[in-house]
């Protein structure tokens, strides 16, 4: 039997952050879940049974005051060829409601790669037995690599379940797997998750480039790309330290960047709120200045300096699928690069 995802939190191998917690609907129809985003297993036969079979799930979320966009539904089991049309309808309905969708057991007994590519899910979970054979079995590594390649092609994250050893974490991280769970990543007595770090490159020429921007990452304040300008005003007003608001699409890809000073200056002008308040914030946004998460600080500073009018605008840090991970401030880059040159 495959390892259930309802046993440990889902962890980001890059940052050590807990992305989602396991959840379940109990026999009484109550939702057992933490305040964080949640992951629930959904057997494919339940999905194929139609909308009525999914009603208890929707009702449990409603009673708990949770929204479907806070839940990742991981589809488990296999689907016969004749059931594919019905499965497509079910997946489409769940996606329309707002659920994030994933497939379990990819690369082994789960959904076929063809079905996965057609469904374009948010998450692909490797088969636990496949992960258990890593790193000793080169064939298992080859299968995992193929799933990662597929995921990049369809814009999905890959998750490695049941990670028990540091060697497993190192190999799957090297393949491009970003999410994982298992005994190695279980919270300690203090409730914190500790992710083994990759071996650092200690070469002098590497040190001179400064840390990678993912090490300087701070959370981004984001709004949907279609948000109104007055929503951005409220976002800036919620906390004086917010220097930018990033507009993102449904897949968290950055579509616009609002700099605090320039944006609020537009509203400080006469009739500013009347002119802009109910209009899309995108009208006042600049193109986002993005840097991949592995970019060294020196290279990020060079990117910041390409536009003289936006030298000190926050940079948006992205993952391999161009999704917003957070922001890095130019002042932090300058401080880190200066420190690196003095070492």
C-alpha atoms as a PDB file:
ATOM      1  CA  UNK A   1       0.000   0.000   0.000  1.00  0.00           C
ATOM      2  CA  UNK A   2       1.356   3.493  -0.805  1.00  0.00           C
ATOM      3  CA  UNK A   3       2.261   5.775   2.067  1.00  0.00           C
ATOM      4  CA  UNK A   4      -0.592   8.104   2.966  1.00  0.00           C
ATOM      5  CA  UNK A   5       0.002  11.825   2.728  1.00  0.00           C
ATOM      6  CA  UNK A   6      -2.066  12.233   5.876  1.00  0.00           C
ATOM      7  CA  UNK A   7       0.919  11.571   8.138  1.00  0.00           C
ATOM      8  CA  UNK A   8       3.291  14.560   7.959  1.00  0.00           C
ATOM      9  CA  UNK A   9       3.497  18.151   6.646  1.00  0.00           C
ATOM     10  CA  UNK A  10       4.488  19.066   3.116  1.00  0.00           C
ATOM     11  CA  UNK A  11       7.854  20.860   3.223  1.00  0.00           C
ATOM     12  CA  UNK A  12       9.705  23.122   0.788  1.00  0.00           C
ATOM     13  CA  UNK A  13      13.206  21.615   0.455  1.00  0.00           C
ATOM     14  CA  UNK A  14      14.661  24.988  -0.534  1.00  0.00           C
ATOM     15  CA  UNK A  15      13.459  27.045   2.416  1.00  0.00           C
ATOM     16  CA  UNK A  16      12.365  24.514   5.033  1.00  0.00           C
ATOM     17  CA  UNK A  17       8.933  26.155   5.126  1.00  0.00           C
ATOM     18  CA  UNK A  18       5.838  24.040   5.707  1.00  0.00           C
ATOM     19  CA  UNK A  19       3.671  24.496   2.616  1.00  0.00           C
ATOM     20  CA  UNK A  20       0.632  22.469   3.662  1.00  0.00           C
ATOM     21  CA  UNK A  21      -0.561  20.199   6.427  1.00  0.00           C
ATOM     22  CA  UNK A  22      -2.386  16.891   6.072  1.00  0.00           C
ATOM     23  CA  UNK A  23      -6.127  17.094   6.548  1.00  0.00           C
ATOM     24  CA  UNK A  24      -9.099  14.769   6.504  1.00  0.00           C
ATOM     25  CA  UNK A  25     -12.876  14.800   6.701  1.00  0.00           C
ATOM     26  CA  UNK A  26     -13.902  12.669   9.699  1.00  0.00           C
ATOM     27  CA  UNK A  27     -16.911  10.315   9.751  1.00  0.00           C
ATOM     28  CA  UNK A  28     -19.032  13.025  11.357  1.00  0.00           C
ATOM     29  CA  UNK A  29     -18.345  15.356   8.431  1.00  0.00           C
ATOM     30  CA  UNK A  30     -15.957  17.611  10.302  1.00  0.00           C
ATOM     31  CA  UNK A  31     -12.721  18.903   8.801  1.00  0.00           C
ATOM     32  CA  UNK A  32      -9.538  18.076  10.719  1.00  0.00           C
ATOM     33  CA  UNK A  33      -7.020  20.609   9.458  1.00  0.00           C
ATOM     34  CA  UNK A  34      -4.542  23.248  10.585  1.00  0.00           C
ATOM     35  CA  UNK A  35      -4.891  26.949   9.700  1.00  0.00           C
ATOM     36  CA  UNK A  36      -2.279  26.520   6.950  1.00  0.00           C
ATOM     37  CA  UNK A  37      -3.149  25.326   3.438  1.00  0.00           C
ATOM     38  CA  UNK A  38      -4.196  21.702   3.582  1.00  0.00           C
ATOM     39  CA  UNK A  39      -3.760  18.543   1.566  1.00  0.00           C
ATOM     40  CA  UNK A  40      -6.467  15.922   1.317  1.00  0.00           C
ATOM     41  CA  UNK A  41      -6.426  12.610  -0.480  1.00  0.00           C
ATOM     42  CA  UNK A  42      -9.320  12.007  -2.856  1.00  0.00           C
ATOM     43  CA  UNK A  43      -9.739   8.457  -4.227  1.00  0.00           C
ATOM     44  CA  UNK A  44     -10.419   8.533  -7.934  1.00  0.00           C
ATOM     45  CA  UNK A  45     -13.506   6.329  -7.520  1.00  0.00           C
ATOM     46  CA  UNK A  46     -15.090   9.048  -5.345  1.00  0.00           C
ATOM     47  CA  UNK A  47     -14.437  11.635  -8.025  1.00  0.00           C
ATOM     48  CA  UNK A  48     -15.917   9.347 -10.671  1.00  0.00           C
ATOM     49  CA  UNK A  49     -19.047   8.851  -8.540  1.00  0.00           C
ATOM     50  CA  UNK A  50     -20.195  12.367  -9.376  1.00  0.00           C
ATOM     51  CA  UNK A  51     -21.003  15.632  -7.618  1.00  0.00           C
ATOM     52  CA  UNK A  52     -23.077  13.965  -4.905  1.00  0.00           C
ATOM     53  CA  UNK A  53     -20.099  11.991  -3.633  1.00  0.00           C
ATOM     54  CA  UNK A  54     -18.098  15.216  -3.281  1.00  0.00           C
ATOM     55  CA  UNK A  55     -20.797  17.068  -1.352  1.00  0.00           C
ATOM     56  CA  UNK A  56     -19.454  16.022   2.092  1.00  0.00           C
ATOM     57  CA  UNK A  57     -16.053  17.513   1.222  1.00  0.00           C
ATOM     58  CA  UNK A  58     -17.541  20.834   0.114  1.00  0.00           C
ATOM     59  CA  UNK A  59     -19.792  20.964   3.180  1.00  0.00           C
ATOM     60  CA  UNK A  60     -16.909  20.189   5.554  1.00  0.00           C
ATOM     61  CA  UNK A  61     -14.921  23.104   4.157  1.00  0.00           C
ATOM     62  CA  UNK A  62     -17.930  25.406   4.358  1.00  0.00           C
ATOM     63  CA  UNK A  63     -18.619  24.518   7.983  1.00  0.00           C
ATOM     64  CA  UNK A  64     -14.965  25.066   8.871  1.00  0.00           C
ATOM     65  CA  UNK A  65     -14.934  28.475   7.187  1.00  0.00           C
ATOM     66  CA  UNK A  66     -12.305  27.361   4.690  1.00  0.00           C
ATOM     67  CA  UNK A  67     -12.178  28.044   0.955  1.00  0.00           C
ATOM     68  CA  UNK A  68     -11.384  25.440  -1.720  1.00  0.00           C
ATOM     69  CA  UNK A  69      -8.354  27.488  -2.848  1.00  0.00           C
ATOM     70  CA  UNK A  70      -6.758  26.583   0.511  1.00  0.00           C
ATOM     71  CA  UNK A  71      -6.880  22.865  -0.309  1.00  0.00           C
ATOM     72  CA  UNK A  72      -4.740  20.612  -2.483  1.00  0.00           C
ATOM     73  CA  UNK A  73      -6.712  17.535  -3.505  1.00  0.00           C
ATOM     74  CA  UNK A  74      -4.403  14.639  -4.302  1.00  0.00           C
ATOM     75  CA  UNK A  75      -6.130  12.144  -6.576  1.00  0.00           C
ATOM     76  CA  UNK A  76      -5.206   8.565  -5.647  1.00  0.00           C
ATOM     77  CA  UNK A  77      -5.771   5.350  -7.560  1.00  0.00           C
ATOM     78  CA  UNK A  78      -5.976   4.529 -11.245  1.00  0.00           C
ATOM     79  CA  UNK A  79      -8.496   5.472 -13.892  1.00  0.00           C
ATOM     80  CA  UNK A  80      -9.610   3.090 -16.624  1.00  0.00           C
ATOM     81  CA  UNK A  81      -9.612   4.302 -20.208  1.00  0.00           C
ATOM     82  CA  UNK A  82     -13.415   4.262 -20.428  1.00  0.00           C
ATOM     83  CA  UNK A  83     -13.678   6.472 -17.329  1.00  0.00           C
ATOM     84  CA  UNK A  84     -11.416   9.258 -18.613  1.00  0.00           C
ATOM     85  CA  UNK A  85     -14.212  11.493 -19.998  1.00  0.00           C
ATOM     86  CA  UNK A  86     -15.973  11.386 -16.625  1.00  0.00           C
ATOM     87  CA  UNK A  87     -12.697  12.090 -14.833  1.00  0.00           C
ATOM     88  CA  UNK A  88     -12.085  15.142 -17.019  1.00  0.00           C
ATOM     89  CA  UNK A  89     -15.497  16.506 -16.100  1.00  0.00           C
ATOM     90  CA  UNK A  90     -14.858  15.921 -12.397  1.00  0.00           C
ATOM     91  CA  UNK A  91     -11.428  17.558 -12.470  1.00  0.00           C
ATOM     92  CA  UNK A  92     -12.799  20.516 -14.390  1.00  0.00           C
ATOM     93  CA  UNK A  93     -15.557  21.011 -11.822  1.00  0.00           C
ATOM     94  CA  UNK A  94     -13.134  20.926  -8.888  1.00  0.00           C
ATOM     95  CA  UNK A  95     -10.748  23.346 -10.624  1.00  0.00           C
ATOM     96  CA  UNK A  96     -13.627  25.750 -11.344  1.00  0.00           C
ATOM     97  CA  UNK A  97     -14.605  25.769  -7.673  1.00  0.00           C
ATOM     98  CA  UNK A  98     -11.031  26.691  -6.767  1.00  0.00           C
ATOM     99  CA  UNK A  99      -9.324  23.513  -5.567  1.00  0.00           C
ATOM    100  CA  UNK A 100      -5.673  22.876  -6.408  1.00  0.00           C
ATOM    101  CA  UNK A 101      -5.353  19.424  -7.961  1.00  0.00           C
ATOM    102  CA  UNK A 102      -2.623  16.813  -7.815  1.00  0.00           C
ATOM    103  CA  UNK A 103      -1.997  13.191  -8.743  1.00  0.00           C
ATOM    104  CA  UNK A 104      -0.442  10.572  -6.455  1.00  0.00           C
ATOM    105  CA  UNK A 105       1.766   7.667  -7.477  1.00  0.00           C
ATOM    106  CA  UNK A 106       3.047   9.317 -10.667  1.00  0.00           C
ATOM    107  CA  UNK A 107       5.690   7.177 -12.332  1.00  0.00           C
ATOM    108  CA  UNK A 108       4.273   3.908 -11.030  1.00  0.00           C
ATOM    109  CA  UNK A 109       0.733   2.782 -10.181  1.00  0.00           C
ATOM    110  CA  UNK A 110      -0.951   6.174 -10.316  1.00  0.00           C
ATOM    111  CA  UNK A 111      -2.316   8.151 -13.238  1.00  0.00           C
ATOM    112  CA  UNK A 112      -0.698   7.607 -16.611  1.00  0.00           C
ATOM    113  CA  UNK A 113       1.727  10.261 -17.829  1.00  0.00           C
ATOM    114  CA  UNK A 114      -0.586  11.003 -20.746  1.00  0.00           C
ATOM    115  CA  UNK A 115      -3.495  11.686 -18.382  1.00  0.00           C
ATOM    116  CA  UNK A 116      -1.287  13.823 -16.159  1.00  0.00           C
ATOM    117  CA  UNK A 117      -0.143  15.952 -19.098  1.00  0.00           C
ATOM    118  CA  UNK A 118      -3.729  16.386 -20.270  1.00  0.00           C
ATOM    119  CA  UNK A 119      -5.007  17.405 -16.817  1.00  0.00           C
ATOM    120  CA  UNK A 120      -2.198  19.955 -16.182  1.00  0.00           C
ATOM    121  CA  UNK A 121      -2.376  19.614 -12.361  1.00  0.00           C
ATOM    122  CA  UNK A 122      -0.776  21.771  -9.698  1.00  0.00           C
ATOM    123  CA  UNK A 123       1.142  18.902  -8.064  1.00  0.00           C
ATOM    124  CA  UNK A 124       2.610  15.529  -9.037  1.00  0.00           C
ATOM    125  CA  UNK A 125       3.488  13.147  -6.207  1.00  0.00           C
ATOM    126  CA  UNK A 126       6.051  10.471  -6.946  1.00  0.00           C
ATOM    127  CA  UNK A 127       5.216   6.935  -5.887  1.00  0.00           C
ATOM    128  CA  UNK A 128       6.516   6.343  -2.318  1.00  0.00           C
ATOM    129  CA  UNK A 129       8.038   2.985  -3.301  1.00  0.00           C
ATOM    130  CA  UNK A 130       9.950   4.740  -6.075  1.00  0.00           C
ATOM    131  CA  UNK A 131      11.336   7.291  -3.591  1.00  0.00           C
ATOM    132  CA  UNK A 132      12.298   4.475  -1.202  1.00  0.00           C
ATOM    133  CA  UNK A 133      14.641   3.025  -3.868  1.00  0.00           C
ATOM    134  CA  UNK A 134      16.523   6.307  -4.241  1.00  0.00           C
ATOM    135  CA  UNK A 135      19.512   6.743  -4.364  1.00  0.00           C
ATOM    136  CA  UNK A 136      20.548   3.068  -4.613  1.00  0.00           C
ATOM    137  CA  UNK A 137      18.525   2.266  -7.756  1.00  0.00           C
ATOM    138  CA  UNK A 138      19.546   4.261 -10.839  1.00  0.00           C
ATOM    139  CA  UNK A 139      16.340   3.157 -12.575  1.00  0.00           C
ATOM    140  CA  UNK A 140      14.224   4.793  -9.884  1.00  0.00           C
ATOM    141  CA  UNK A 141      16.249   7.990 -10.296  1.00  0.00           C
ATOM    142  CA  UNK A 142      15.649   7.883 -14.061  1.00  0.00           C
ATOM    143  CA  UNK A 143      11.884   7.572 -13.554  1.00  0.00           C
ATOM    144  CA  UNK A 144      11.866  10.444 -11.053  1.00  0.00           C
ATOM    145  CA  UNK A 145      13.843  12.586 -13.496  1.00  0.00           C
ATOM    146  CA  UNK A 146      11.281  11.914 -16.228  1.00  0.00           C
ATOM    147  CA  UNK A 147       8.434  12.965 -13.936  1.00  0.00           C
ATOM    148  CA  UNK A 148      10.280  16.209 -13.105  1.00  0.00           C
ATOM    149  CA  UNK A 149      10.712  16.888 -16.828  1.00  0.00           C
ATOM    150  CA  UNK A 150       7.003  16.276 -17.417  1.00  0.00           C
ATOM    151  CA  UNK A 151       6.093  18.549 -14.502  1.00  0.00           C
ATOM    152  CA  UNK A 152       8.136  21.393 -15.917  1.00  0.00           C
ATOM    153  CA  UNK A 153       6.397  20.948 -19.242  1.00  0.00           C
ATOM    154  CA  UNK A 154       2.897  21.209 -17.746  1.00  0.00           C
ATOM    155  CA  UNK A 155       3.713  23.783 -15.046  1.00  0.00           C
ATOM    156  CA  UNK A 156       3.388  21.520 -11.997  1.00  0.00           C
ATOM    157  CA  UNK A 157       5.294  21.051  -8.745  1.00  0.00           C
ATOM    158  CA  UNK A 158       6.774  17.633  -7.907  1.00  0.00           C
ATOM    159  CA  UNK A 159       6.567  16.122  -4.430  1.00  0.00           C
ATOM    160  CA  UNK A 160       8.607  13.269  -2.993  1.00  0.00           C
ATOM    161  CA  UNK A 161       6.650  11.353  -0.300  1.00  0.00           C
ATOM    162  CA  UNK A 162       8.119   9.247   2.476  1.00  0.00           C
ATOM    163  CA  UNK A 163      11.617  10.769   2.533  1.00  0.00           C
ATOM    164  CA  UNK A 164      13.552   9.034   5.330  1.00  0.00           C
ATOM    165  CA  UNK A 165      17.250   9.695   4.656  1.00  0.00           C
ATOM    166  CA  UNK A 166      19.397  12.709   3.886  1.00  0.00           C
ATOM    167  CA  UNK A 167      20.742  10.933   0.802  1.00  0.00           C
ATOM    168  CA  UNK A 168      17.199  10.705  -0.581  1.00  0.00           C
ATOM    169  CA  UNK A 169      16.559  14.381   0.074  1.00  0.00           C
ATOM    170  CA  UNK A 170      19.838  15.338  -1.617  1.00  0.00           C
ATOM    171  CA  UNK A 171      19.124  13.298  -4.756  1.00  0.00           C
ATOM    172  CA  UNK A 172      15.531  14.423  -5.270  1.00  0.00           C
ATOM    173  CA  UNK A 173      16.521  18.037  -4.620  1.00  0.00           C
ATOM    174  CA  UNK A 174      19.229  17.658  -7.251  1.00  0.00           C
ATOM    175  CA  UNK A 175      16.651  16.344  -9.720  1.00  0.00           C
ATOM    176  CA  UNK A 176      14.549  19.466  -9.250  1.00  0.00           C
ATOM    177  CA  UNK A 177      12.002  18.132  -6.762  1.00  0.00           C
ATOM    178  CA  UNK A 178      11.104  20.971  -4.462  1.00  0.00           C
ATOM    179  CA  UNK A 179       8.427  19.543  -2.168  1.00  0.00           C
ATOM    180  CA  UNK A 180       8.679  16.525   0.116  1.00  0.00           C
ATOM    181  CA  UNK A 181       7.369  14.915   3.259  1.00  0.00           C
ATOM    182  CA  UNK A 182       8.344  11.972   5.418  1.00  0.00           C
ATOM    183  CA  UNK A 183      10.104  10.985   8.648  1.00  0.00           C
ATOM    184  CA  UNK A 184      13.242  12.997   7.812  1.00  0.00           C
ATOM    185  CA  UNK A 185      11.155  16.163   7.572  1.00  0.00           C
ATOM    186  CA  UNK A 186       8.834  15.551  10.510  1.00  0.00           C
ATOM    187  CA  UNK A 187       8.631  18.389  13.065  1.00  0.00           C
ATOM    188  CA  UNK A 188      10.983  18.036  16.026  1.00  0.00           C
ATOM    189  CA  UNK A 189      10.019  18.315  19.711  1.00  0.00           C
ATOM    190  CA  UNK A 190       9.939  22.098  19.339  1.00  0.00           C
ATOM    191  CA  UNK A 191       7.521  21.817  16.425  1.00  0.00           C
ATOM    192  CA  UNK A 192      10.048  23.051  13.863  1.00  0.00           C
ATOM    193  CA  UNK A 193      10.995  21.318  10.622  1.00  0.00           C
ATOM    194  CA  UNK A 194      14.700  21.013   9.835  1.00  0.00           C
ATOM    195  CA  UNK A 195      15.750  20.376   6.248  1.00  0.00           C
ATOM    196  CA  UNK A 196      19.297  19.106   5.595  1.00  0.00           C
ATOM    197  CA  UNK A 197      21.127  21.804   3.654  1.00  0.00           C
ATOM    198  CA  UNK A 198      23.030  21.057   0.432  1.00  0.00           C
ATOM    199  CA  UNK A 199      26.803  21.253   0.607  1.00  0.00           C
ATOM    200  CA  UNK A 200      27.879  24.839   0.099  1.00  0.00           C
ATOM    201  CA  UNK A 201      30.310  25.858  -2.618  1.00  0.00           C
ATOM    202  CA  UNK A 202      33.228  27.328  -0.682  1.00  0.00           C
ATOM    203  CA  UNK A 203      35.340  28.362  -3.664  1.00  0.00           C
ATOM    204  CA  UNK A 204      36.656  31.966  -3.228  1.00  0.00           C
ATOM    205  CA  UNK A 205      35.302  33.077  -6.592  1.00  0.00           C
ATOM    206  CA  UNK A 206      31.847  31.833  -5.590  1.00  0.00           C
ATOM    207  CA  UNK A 207      31.970  33.625  -2.242  1.00  0.00           C
ATOM    208  CA  UNK A 208      32.756  36.894  -4.026  1.00  0.00           C
ATOM    209  CA  UNK A 209      29.451  36.654  -5.855  1.00  0.00           C
ATOM    210  CA  UNK A 210      27.574  36.785  -2.565  1.00  0.00           C
ATOM    211  CA  UNK A 211      24.718  34.518  -1.445  1.00  0.00           C
ATOM    212  CA  UNK A 212      21.971  33.392  -3.771  1.00  0.00           C
ATOM    213  CA  UNK A 213      18.874  35.556  -3.672  1.00  0.00           C
ATOM    214  CA  UNK A 214      16.788  32.727  -2.196  1.00  0.00           C
ATOM    215  CA  UNK A 215      18.823  33.176   1.005  1.00  0.00           C
ATOM    216  CA  UNK A 216      17.727  36.848   1.187  1.00  0.00           C
ATOM    217  CA  UNK A 217      14.107  36.117   0.372  1.00  0.00           C
ATOM    218  CA  UNK A 218      11.318  37.865   2.256  1.00  0.00           C
ATOM    219  CA  UNK A 219       7.586  37.224   1.725  1.00  0.00           C
ATOM    220  CA  UNK A 220       5.931  39.192  -1.036  1.00  0.00           C
ATOM    221  CA  UNK A 221       2.615  40.969  -0.616  1.00  0.00           C
ATOM    222  CA  UNK A 222       0.606  39.744  -3.579  1.00  0.00           C
ATOM    223  CA  UNK A 223      -2.747  40.541  -5.142  1.00  0.00           C
ATOM    224  CA  UNK A 224      -4.548  38.963  -8.098  1.00  0.00           C
ATOM    225  CA  UNK A 225      -3.555  40.529 -11.409  1.00  0.00           C
ATOM    226  CA  UNK A 226      -7.114  41.832 -11.851  1.00  0.00           C
ATOM    227  CA  UNK A 227      -7.229  43.570  -8.421  1.00  0.00           C
ATOM    228  CA  UNK A 228      -8.536  47.124  -8.191  1.00  0.00           C
ATOM    229  CA  UNK A 229      -6.164  49.950  -7.314  1.00  0.00           C
ATOM    230  CA  UNK A 230      -7.956  50.648  -4.036  1.00  0.00           C
ATOM    231  CA  UNK A 231      -7.185  47.056  -2.945  1.00  0.00           C
ATOM    232  CA  UNK A 232      -3.503  47.825  -3.424  1.00  0.00           C
ATOM    233  CA  UNK A 233      -3.903  51.003  -1.351  1.00  0.00           C
ATOM    234  CA  UNK A 234      -5.292  48.896   1.496  1.00  0.00           C
ATOM    235  CA  UNK A 235      -2.408  46.424   1.129  1.00  0.00           C
ATOM    236  CA  UNK A 236       0.150  49.204   1.466  1.00  0.00           C
ATOM    237  CA  UNK A 237      -1.777  50.729   4.358  1.00  0.00           C
ATOM    238  CA  UNK A 238      -1.824  47.466   6.318  1.00  0.00           C
ATOM    239  CA  UNK A 239       1.884  47.713   7.155  1.00  0.00           C
ATOM    240  CA  UNK A 240       4.285  50.658   6.668  1.00  0.00           C
ATOM    241  CA  UNK A 241       7.211  48.326   5.912  1.00  0.00           C
ATOM    242  CA  UNK A 242       5.534  47.012   2.736  1.00  0.00           C
ATOM    243  CA  UNK A 243       7.664  48.404  -0.099  1.00  0.00           C
ATOM    244  CA  UNK A 244       5.924  46.705  -3.018  1.00  0.00           C
ATOM    245  CA  UNK A 245       2.838  44.774  -4.021  1.00  0.00           C
ATOM    246  CA  UNK A 246       3.229  42.094  -6.680  1.00  0.00           C
ATOM    247  CA  UNK A 247       0.316  41.329  -9.002  1.00  0.00           C
ATOM    248  CA  UNK A 248       0.149  37.626  -9.843  1.00  0.00           C
ATOM    249  CA  UNK A 249      -1.981  35.374 -12.020  1.00  0.00           C
ATOM    250  CA  UNK A 250      -3.813  32.249 -10.876  1.00  0.00           C
ATOM    251  CA  UNK A 251      -0.550  30.268 -10.956  1.00  0.00           C
ATOM    252  CA  UNK A 252       1.324  32.844  -8.824  1.00  0.00           C
ATOM    253  CA  UNK A 253       3.320  34.097 -11.809  1.00  0.00           C
ATOM    254  CA  UNK A 254       4.199  37.807 -11.461  1.00  0.00           C
ATOM    255  CA  UNK A 255       2.386  40.087 -13.892  1.00  0.00           C
ATOM    256  CA  UNK A 256       3.048  43.528 -12.441  1.00  0.00           C
ATOM    257  CA  UNK A 257       4.920  45.338  -9.665  1.00  0.00           C
ATOM    258  CA  UNK A 258       3.625  48.292  -7.671  1.00  0.00           C
ATOM    259  CA  UNK A 259       6.336  50.364  -6.005  1.00  0.00           C
ATOM    260  CA  UNK A 260       5.076  51.955  -2.796  1.00  0.00           C
ATOM    261  CA  UNK A 261       6.345  55.483  -3.406  1.00  0.00           C
ATOM    262  CA  UNK A 262       5.278  55.821  -7.023  1.00  0.00           C
ATOM    263  CA  UNK A 263       1.951  54.086  -6.545  1.00  0.00           C
ATOM    264  CA  UNK A 264       0.847  56.076  -3.501  1.00  0.00           C
ATOM    265  CA  UNK A 265       2.030  59.290  -5.157  1.00  0.00           C
ATOM    266  CA  UNK A 266      -0.573  58.668  -7.855  1.00  0.00           C
ATOM    267  CA  UNK A 267      -3.263  58.702  -5.171  1.00  0.00           C
ATOM    268  CA  UNK A 268      -1.841  61.714  -3.357  1.00  0.00           C
ATOM    269  CA  UNK A 269      -2.456  63.874  -6.427  1.00  0.00           C
ATOM    270  CA  UNK A 270      -5.709  65.809  -6.738  1.00  0.00           C
ATOM    271  CA  UNK A 271      -8.619  63.503  -7.614  1.00  0.00           C
ATOM    272  CA  UNK A 272      -6.186  60.582  -7.403  1.00  0.00           C
ATOM    273  CA  UNK A 273      -8.622  58.174  -5.768  1.00  0.00           C
ATOM    274  CA  UNK A 274     -11.450  59.160  -8.093  1.00  0.00           C
ATOM    275  CA  UNK A 275      -9.218  58.608 -11.114  1.00  0.00           C
ATOM    276  CA  UNK A 276      -7.671  55.320 -10.065  1.00  0.00           C
ATOM    277  CA  UNK A 277      -9.542  53.727  -7.155  1.00  0.00           C
ATOM    278  CA  UNK A 278     -11.982  51.531  -9.091  1.00  0.00           C
ATOM    279  CA  UNK A 279      -9.630  50.953 -12.019  1.00  0.00           C
ATOM    280  CA  UNK A 280      -7.326  47.921 -12.286  1.00  0.00           C
ATOM    281  CA  UNK A 281      -4.114  48.325 -10.301  1.00  0.00           C
ATOM    282  CA  UNK A 282      -2.317  46.893 -13.325  1.00  0.00           C
ATOM    283  CA  UNK A 283      -2.720  50.308 -15.020  1.00  0.00           C
ATOM    284  CA  UNK A 284      -0.266  51.787 -12.517  1.00  0.00           C
ATOM    285  CA  UNK A 285       2.053  48.784 -12.340  1.00  0.00           C
ATOM    286  CA  UNK A 286       5.514  48.405 -13.790  1.00  0.00           C
ATOM    287  CA  UNK A 287       6.707  45.171 -15.394  1.00  0.00           C
ATOM    288  CA  UNK A 288       7.991  42.885 -12.621  1.00  0.00           C
ATOM    289  CA  UNK A 289      11.766  42.651 -12.408  1.00  0.00           C
ATOM    290  CA  UNK A 290      12.288  38.945 -11.847  1.00  0.00           C
ATOM    291  CA  UNK A 291      15.384  36.962 -10.913  1.00  0.00           C
ATOM    292  CA  UNK A 292      15.583  33.160 -10.561  1.00  0.00           C
ATOM    293  CA  UNK A 293      15.987  31.970  -6.976  1.00  0.00           C
ATOM    294  CA  UNK A 294      19.532  30.666  -7.642  1.00  0.00           C
ATOM    295  CA  UNK A 295      20.827  34.044  -8.908  1.00  0.00           C
ATOM    296  CA  UNK A 296      23.923  35.259  -6.975  1.00  0.00           C
ATOM    297  CA  UNK A 297      23.574  38.609  -5.223  1.00  0.00           C
ATOM    298  CA  UNK A 298      26.085  40.335  -7.522  1.00  0.00           C
ATOM    299  CA  UNK A 299      24.178  39.256 -10.631  1.00  0.00           C
ATOM    300  CA  UNK A 300      20.919  40.402  -9.041  1.00  0.00           C
ATOM    301  CA  UNK A 301      22.446  43.829  -8.393  1.00  0.00           C
ATOM    302  CA  UNK A 302      23.423  44.065 -12.045  1.00  0.00           C
ATOM    303  CA  UNK A 303      19.826  43.245 -12.984  1.00  0.00           C
ATOM    304  CA  UNK A 304      18.575  45.955 -10.632  1.00  0.00           C
ATOM    305  CA  UNK A 305      20.847  48.551 -12.226  1.00  0.00           C
ATOM    306  CA  UNK A 306      19.639  48.044 -15.792  1.00  0.00           C
ATOM    307  CA  UNK A 307      16.821  50.570 -15.361  1.00  0.00           C
ATOM    308  CA  UNK A 308      18.110  53.802 -13.845  1.00  0.00           C
ATOM    309  CA  UNK A 309      14.598  54.868 -12.888  1.00  0.00           C
ATOM    310  CA  UNK A 310      13.939  51.699 -10.878  1.00  0.00           C
ATOM    311  CA  UNK A 311      17.322  50.951  -9.313  1.00  0.00           C
ATOM    312  CA  UNK A 312      15.881  50.470  -5.831  1.00  0.00           C
ATOM    313  CA  UNK A 313      12.676  48.674  -6.772  1.00  0.00           C
ATOM    314  CA  UNK A 314      12.229  45.276  -5.135  1.00  0.00           C
ATOM    315  CA  UNK A 315      13.220  42.278  -7.246  1.00  0.00           C
ATOM    316  CA  UNK A 316      10.735  39.414  -7.573  1.00  0.00           C
ATOM    317  CA  UNK A 317      12.332  36.025  -6.904  1.00  0.00           C
ATOM    318  CA  UNK A 318      10.898  33.196  -8.992  1.00  0.00           C
ATOM    319  CA  UNK A 319      11.127  29.412  -9.145  1.00  0.00           C
ATOM    320  CA  UNK A 320      11.759  27.235 -12.181  1.00  0.00           C
ATOM    321  CA  UNK A 321       8.174  27.741 -13.372  1.00  0.00           C
ATOM    322  CA  UNK A 322       8.376  31.554 -13.020  1.00  0.00           C
ATOM    323  CA  UNK A 323       6.174  31.546  -9.917  1.00  0.00           C
ATOM    324  CA  UNK A 324       6.661  34.227  -7.302  1.00  0.00           C
ATOM    325  CA  UNK A 325       8.501  32.940  -4.232  1.00  0.00           C
ATOM    326  CA  UNK A 326       8.945  36.334  -2.587  1.00  0.00           C
ATOM    327  CA  UNK A 327      10.965  39.513  -3.029  1.00  0.00           C
ATOM    328  CA  UNK A 328      14.499  40.642  -2.323  1.00  0.00           C
ATOM    329  CA  UNK A 329      15.318  44.251  -1.514  1.00  0.00           C
ATOM    330  CA  UNK A 330      18.221  45.956  -3.246  1.00  0.00           C
ATOM    331  CA  UNK A 331      19.446  47.350   0.077  1.00  0.00           C
ATOM    332  CA  UNK A 332      19.852  43.763   1.331  1.00  0.00           C
ATOM    333  CA  UNK A 333      21.795  42.849  -1.820  1.00  0.00           C
ATOM    334  CA  UNK A 334      24.159  45.779  -1.336  1.00  0.00           C
ATOM    335  CA  UNK A 335      24.769  44.864   2.291  1.00  0.00           C
ATOM    336  CA  UNK A 336      25.476  41.203   1.517  1.00  0.00           C
ATOM    337  CA  UNK A 337      27.782  41.917  -1.435  1.00  0.00           C
ATOM    338  CA  UNK A 338      29.716  44.465   0.598  1.00  0.00           C
ATOM    339  CA  UNK A 339      30.131  41.946   3.402  1.00  0.00           C
ATOM    340  CA  UNK A 340      31.304  39.270   0.940  1.00  0.00           C
ATOM    341  CA  UNK A 341      34.032  41.509  -0.494  1.00  0.00           C
ATOM    342  CA  UNK A 342      35.387  42.223   3.002  1.00  0.00           C
ATOM    343  CA  UNK A 343      35.770  38.573   3.985  1.00  0.00           C
END
